[in-house]
N, C-alpha and C. Protein backbone atom coordinates (compact mmCIF):
# COMPACT_ATOMS: atom_id res chain seq x y z
N MET A 1 27.65 -52.54 -71.02
CA MET A 1 26.77 -53.39 -71.82
C MET A 1 25.32 -52.86 -71.75
N THR A 2 24.74 -52.72 -72.91
CA THR A 2 23.38 -52.22 -73.14
C THR A 2 22.42 -53.31 -72.76
N GLN A 3 21.54 -53.08 -71.88
CA GLN A 3 20.54 -53.94 -71.66
C GLN A 3 19.45 -54.14 -72.60
N LYS A 4 19.07 -55.13 -72.75
CA LYS A 4 17.82 -55.34 -73.55
C LYS A 4 16.65 -55.62 -72.90
N VAL A 5 15.43 -55.22 -73.32
CA VAL A 5 14.10 -55.44 -72.65
C VAL A 5 13.43 -56.14 -73.53
N LEU A 6 12.78 -57.31 -73.20
CA LEU A 6 11.92 -57.97 -74.08
C LEU A 6 10.57 -57.84 -73.57
N ILE A 7 9.48 -57.29 -74.65
CA ILE A 7 8.15 -57.28 -74.06
C ILE A 7 7.37 -58.30 -74.99
N ASP A 8 7.00 -59.29 -74.51
CA ASP A 8 6.24 -60.46 -75.34
C ASP A 8 7.35 -60.96 -76.41
N ASN A 9 8.53 -61.03 -76.18
CA ASN A 9 9.58 -61.40 -76.99
C ASN A 9 9.93 -60.14 -78.09
N TYR A 10 9.41 -58.92 -77.95
CA TYR A 10 9.77 -58.09 -79.00
C TYR A 10 10.88 -57.30 -78.22
N GLU A 11 11.97 -57.27 -78.94
CA GLU A 11 13.36 -56.68 -78.35
C GLU A 11 13.54 -55.26 -78.45
N ILE A 12 13.63 -54.50 -77.33
CA ILE A 12 13.88 -53.10 -77.38
C ILE A 12 15.18 -52.81 -76.55
N THR A 13 15.94 -51.78 -77.24
CA THR A 13 17.08 -51.31 -76.61
C THR A 13 16.82 -50.03 -76.12
N PRO A 14 16.70 -49.99 -74.72
CA PRO A 14 16.52 -48.69 -74.00
C PRO A 14 17.55 -47.74 -74.04
N THR A 15 17.20 -46.44 -73.97
CA THR A 15 18.02 -45.35 -73.87
C THR A 15 18.33 -45.01 -72.51
N LYS A 16 17.23 -45.44 -71.64
CA LYS A 16 17.18 -45.34 -70.14
C LYS A 16 16.41 -46.43 -69.74
N LEU A 17 16.85 -46.92 -68.55
CA LEU A 17 16.07 -48.39 -67.80
C LEU A 17 16.30 -48.11 -66.43
N GLU A 18 15.17 -48.29 -65.75
CA GLU A 18 15.12 -48.31 -64.28
C GLU A 18 14.25 -49.49 -63.95
N THR A 19 14.44 -50.14 -62.73
CA THR A 19 13.69 -51.18 -62.32
C THR A 19 13.44 -50.90 -60.87
N GLU A 20 12.29 -51.47 -60.37
CA GLU A 20 11.72 -51.26 -59.11
C GLU A 20 11.44 -52.47 -58.63
N ASN A 21 11.82 -52.95 -57.36
CA ASN A 21 11.54 -54.38 -56.87
C ASN A 21 10.85 -54.41 -55.57
N GLU A 22 10.36 -53.17 -55.13
CA GLU A 22 9.73 -53.02 -53.73
C GLU A 22 8.22 -53.20 -54.07
N GLY A 23 7.56 -54.02 -53.40
CA GLY A 23 6.16 -54.24 -53.74
C GLY A 23 6.05 -54.80 -54.96
N LYS A 24 5.10 -54.21 -55.76
CA LYS A 24 4.93 -54.74 -57.27
C LYS A 24 6.10 -54.29 -58.04
N ARG A 25 6.85 -55.03 -58.86
CA ARG A 25 7.92 -54.93 -59.66
C ARG A 25 7.34 -53.90 -60.69
N LYS A 26 8.44 -53.19 -61.16
CA LYS A 26 8.30 -52.19 -62.20
C LYS A 26 9.53 -52.02 -63.09
N VAL A 27 9.20 -51.54 -64.42
CA VAL A 27 10.29 -51.47 -65.30
C VAL A 27 9.84 -50.09 -65.87
N TYR A 28 10.87 -49.05 -65.89
CA TYR A 28 10.56 -47.77 -66.66
C TYR A 28 11.68 -47.79 -67.88
N LEU A 29 11.23 -47.53 -68.91
CA LEU A 29 12.18 -47.34 -70.02
C LEU A 29 11.88 -46.41 -70.89
N GLU A 30 13.01 -45.72 -71.45
CA GLU A 30 12.77 -44.81 -72.59
C GLU A 30 13.49 -45.39 -73.76
N PHE A 31 12.79 -45.29 -75.13
CA PHE A 31 13.53 -45.85 -76.13
C PHE A 31 13.11 -45.11 -77.28
N LEU A 32 13.85 -45.15 -78.36
CA LEU A 32 13.66 -44.48 -79.71
C LEU A 32 12.93 -45.55 -80.70
N VAL A 33 11.85 -44.90 -81.32
CA VAL A 33 11.19 -45.63 -82.15
C VAL A 33 11.04 -44.95 -83.68
N GLU A 34 11.73 -45.71 -84.64
CA GLU A 34 11.69 -45.08 -85.98
C GLU A 34 10.50 -45.32 -86.67
N HIS A 35 10.45 -44.60 -87.77
CA HIS A 35 9.23 -44.76 -88.61
C HIS A 35 8.96 -46.31 -88.90
N LYS A 36 9.99 -46.87 -89.28
CA LYS A 36 9.79 -48.30 -89.79
C LYS A 36 9.33 -49.32 -88.64
N ASP A 37 9.61 -48.78 -87.35
CA ASP A 37 9.21 -49.90 -86.43
C ASP A 37 7.76 -49.31 -85.63
N TYR A 38 7.21 -48.22 -86.14
CA TYR A 38 6.04 -47.61 -85.53
C TYR A 38 4.94 -48.60 -85.39
N HIS A 39 4.57 -49.09 -86.43
CA HIS A 39 3.35 -50.02 -86.51
C HIS A 39 3.62 -51.13 -85.60
N ASP A 40 4.71 -51.85 -85.63
CA ASP A 40 4.96 -53.03 -84.66
C ASP A 40 4.84 -52.64 -83.17
N ILE A 41 5.50 -51.51 -82.86
CA ILE A 41 5.51 -51.23 -81.32
C ILE A 41 4.10 -50.64 -80.90
N THR A 42 3.51 -49.90 -81.66
CA THR A 42 1.98 -49.47 -81.61
C THR A 42 1.18 -50.64 -81.40
N THR A 43 1.15 -51.67 -82.13
CA THR A 43 0.43 -52.76 -82.16
C THR A 43 0.55 -53.67 -80.88
N LEU A 44 2.00 -53.66 -80.68
CA LEU A 44 2.29 -54.50 -79.33
C LEU A 44 1.76 -53.58 -78.03
N LEU A 45 1.84 -52.25 -77.99
CA LEU A 45 1.58 -51.51 -76.77
C LEU A 45 -0.01 -51.64 -76.58
N TYR A 46 -0.77 -51.72 -77.69
CA TYR A 46 -2.17 -51.70 -77.56
C TYR A 46 -2.66 -52.96 -76.98
N LYS A 47 -2.00 -54.03 -76.71
CA LYS A 47 -2.37 -55.30 -76.24
C LYS A 47 -2.68 -54.85 -74.56
N ASN A 48 -1.49 -54.10 -74.03
CA ASN A 48 -1.52 -53.72 -72.67
C ASN A 48 -1.46 -54.89 -71.56
N ASP A 49 -1.29 -56.10 -71.87
CA ASP A 49 -1.04 -57.22 -71.16
C ASP A 49 0.31 -57.79 -71.75
N PHE A 50 1.40 -57.88 -70.91
CA PHE A 50 2.73 -58.39 -71.45
C PHE A 50 3.44 -59.09 -70.58
N THR A 51 4.26 -60.06 -71.12
CA THR A 51 5.60 -60.59 -70.24
C THR A 51 6.60 -59.66 -70.54
N VAL A 52 7.14 -59.27 -69.30
CA VAL A 52 8.43 -58.34 -69.47
C VAL A 52 9.69 -59.16 -68.97
N ASN A 53 10.61 -59.04 -69.78
CA ASN A 53 11.89 -59.80 -69.60
C ASN A 53 12.99 -59.03 -69.61
N VAL A 54 13.83 -58.81 -68.69
CA VAL A 54 15.27 -58.21 -68.75
C VAL A 54 16.29 -59.14 -68.35
N PRO A 55 16.67 -59.92 -69.44
CA PRO A 55 17.41 -61.14 -69.10
C PRO A 55 18.79 -60.82 -68.47
N GLU A 56 19.46 -59.63 -68.56
CA GLU A 56 20.77 -59.21 -68.15
C GLU A 56 20.69 -59.36 -66.69
N ILE A 57 19.50 -59.06 -65.92
CA ILE A 57 19.19 -58.95 -64.45
C ILE A 57 18.33 -59.99 -64.08
N ALA A 58 18.16 -61.07 -64.68
CA ALA A 58 17.08 -62.11 -64.40
C ALA A 58 15.55 -61.62 -63.99
N LEU A 59 15.15 -60.60 -64.68
CA LEU A 59 13.87 -60.05 -64.16
C LEU A 59 12.75 -60.47 -65.23
N GLN A 60 11.76 -61.01 -64.77
CA GLN A 60 10.83 -61.38 -65.65
C GLN A 60 9.36 -61.35 -64.88
N PHE A 61 8.43 -60.75 -65.39
CA PHE A 61 7.05 -60.80 -64.84
C PHE A 61 5.86 -60.30 -65.82
N GLU A 62 4.67 -60.70 -65.34
CA GLU A 62 3.47 -60.41 -66.14
C GLU A 62 3.20 -58.86 -65.84
N ALA A 63 3.04 -58.05 -66.67
CA ALA A 63 2.80 -56.57 -66.43
C ALA A 63 1.60 -55.89 -67.38
N THR A 64 1.25 -54.68 -66.91
CA THR A 64 0.51 -53.82 -67.63
C THR A 64 1.12 -52.47 -67.72
N ILE A 65 0.48 -51.60 -68.70
CA ILE A 65 1.10 -50.27 -68.85
C ILE A 65 0.49 -49.52 -67.57
N THR A 66 1.30 -48.69 -66.75
CA THR A 66 0.87 -47.83 -65.88
C THR A 66 1.09 -46.32 -66.31
N ASN A 67 2.10 -46.14 -67.23
CA ASN A 67 2.47 -44.86 -67.48
C ASN A 67 2.87 -44.84 -68.96
N TYR A 68 2.72 -43.88 -69.96
CA TYR A 68 3.11 -43.96 -71.31
C TYR A 68 3.08 -42.67 -71.98
N SER A 69 4.19 -42.23 -72.63
CA SER A 69 4.05 -41.05 -73.41
C SER A 69 5.15 -41.01 -74.51
N THR A 70 4.98 -40.18 -75.49
CA THR A 70 5.86 -40.14 -76.69
C THR A 70 6.14 -38.75 -77.04
N SER A 71 7.29 -38.55 -77.59
CA SER A 71 7.55 -37.14 -78.00
C SER A 71 6.99 -36.81 -79.33
N ILE A 72 6.43 -37.66 -79.94
CA ILE A 72 5.96 -37.41 -81.44
C ILE A 72 4.57 -38.18 -81.49
N THR A 73 3.72 -37.53 -82.32
CA THR A 73 2.57 -38.65 -82.59
C THR A 73 2.45 -38.77 -83.94
N ASN A 74 3.23 -38.47 -84.80
CA ASN A 74 3.23 -38.77 -86.27
C ASN A 74 4.50 -39.36 -86.74
N LEU A 75 4.49 -40.68 -86.67
CA LEU A 75 5.67 -41.43 -87.11
C LEU A 75 5.45 -42.08 -88.50
N TYR A 76 4.36 -41.59 -89.12
CA TYR A 76 4.23 -42.11 -90.50
C TYR A 76 5.10 -41.40 -91.58
N GLU A 77 5.60 -40.50 -91.19
CA GLU A 77 6.58 -39.90 -92.05
C GLU A 77 8.07 -40.49 -92.22
N GLU A 78 8.37 -40.78 -93.38
CA GLU A 78 9.76 -41.42 -93.53
C GLU A 78 10.87 -40.71 -92.84
N GLY A 79 11.67 -41.36 -91.92
CA GLY A 79 12.69 -40.76 -91.46
C GLY A 79 12.32 -40.25 -90.03
N ALA A 80 11.19 -40.25 -89.58
CA ALA A 80 10.81 -39.73 -88.22
C ALA A 80 11.11 -40.55 -87.23
N VAL A 81 11.48 -40.17 -86.04
CA VAL A 81 11.99 -40.85 -84.92
C VAL A 81 11.43 -40.29 -83.66
N GLY A 82 10.68 -41.00 -82.86
CA GLY A 82 10.06 -40.41 -81.56
C GLY A 82 10.59 -41.30 -80.27
N GLU A 83 10.68 -40.53 -79.07
CA GLU A 83 11.03 -41.13 -77.93
C GLU A 83 9.88 -41.59 -77.21
N TYR A 84 9.94 -42.85 -76.96
CA TYR A 84 8.74 -43.43 -76.14
C TYR A 84 9.21 -43.44 -74.67
N ARG A 85 8.38 -43.34 -73.70
CA ARG A 85 8.52 -43.43 -72.21
C ARG A 85 7.54 -44.38 -71.70
N LEU A 86 7.76 -45.53 -71.20
CA LEU A 86 6.90 -46.48 -70.92
C LEU A 86 7.31 -46.87 -69.48
N GLU A 87 6.27 -47.09 -68.72
CA GLU A 87 6.26 -47.84 -67.37
C GLU A 87 5.35 -48.99 -67.25
N LEU A 88 5.85 -50.01 -66.92
CA LEU A 88 5.12 -51.35 -66.79
C LEU A 88 5.27 -51.87 -65.32
N THR A 89 3.98 -52.27 -64.88
CA THR A 89 4.05 -52.59 -63.43
C THR A 89 3.38 -53.99 -63.41
N GLU A 90 3.91 -54.67 -62.47
CA GLU A 90 3.51 -56.10 -62.36
C GLU A 90 2.02 -56.31 -62.04
N LYS A 91 1.31 -57.16 -62.50
CA LYS A 91 0.05 -57.52 -62.45
C LYS A 91 -0.32 -57.99 -60.90
């Protein structure tokens, strides 16, 4: 089963998901972003304060971005797809 991650109720299906529960909880995920979703995901990530929810493992916490990168900087082009890597750490 593919786990879904909800960031402020925005659903992401990661290609890779790791969680850490020692000390401050963390979620590390990699996911693909298509041209059509670029604006929504970018606007979401600019907030930098989130409720993270991984329903399949009953994990939910308030978080901020502690690491972020992307394989592409120009997703404005039709058909472009970028891989995002995101680490969210409990506040």
